[in-house]
């Protein structure tokens, strides 16, 4: 009887300096109150992280990745298809991993009790969806393009259109949150969240690419957004308590 194969736990790969925004960003006012006051502690991978818990089969509904369905009518706004891949730091696909999104409606209003700016709620749009990556790490969502909205960070502050993404890598304990922006948004220059990322190349990785090949005639535009969880080409991730 042969000896069982040794279980080798994956190790964290540190991101290069300047990949992520400072935890206390001067232009992003709310970080002054909620940024960590003590040095961060690196927690090593343990057996429980790489063996479970896991999202079992049958938990995702057929239309959970289509935010335009589930109501009596169609939501207002430009219908879009968002596709991409979830990759590790070596470019390998992360398969069977949960990807979640949430966003404002076409008027820039979240279905959230804390969002009270005078743009109407859309009765046919909840703004949340989820899916699992396939064997190549691919995901697809159908939704509507979110609108810009005002916030009170500074005078006449408006957030660019964006979609929040939550990804889990290979385990629930690896949850990371980021945002996807749209090409050529005129509000990039005055958004302190987008501009808190010191590396210009890292900022550009948060902007989706218009994908003409995936556009469906007389139905929907398409955008591509790959997410890399570690390494030189890593996506920029945010504090998961960020509501904006």
Foldseek 3Di string as FASTA:
>chain_A
DDDDDDDDDDWDDDEDPLLAFDQQFPLQPVSVPDRDPDDDDDDTDDPDFQPDDADDPPPADPQLQEQQDDDPHGWDAAKEKEKEFEAEQVRAGQFFWKKKKFFAGQQRAAPDPVTDDPDDDTRRGHGIGMDTAHPRRMDMHIGHFHCWDADVSDPRHIDATKMKMWICRNGVVRIFIDIAGEPPTPRCVPDSNLVSRRDPLLSVLRYWAFDCVPADPPHHTYTYHYAYCDHHNHHYTDDPVDPD
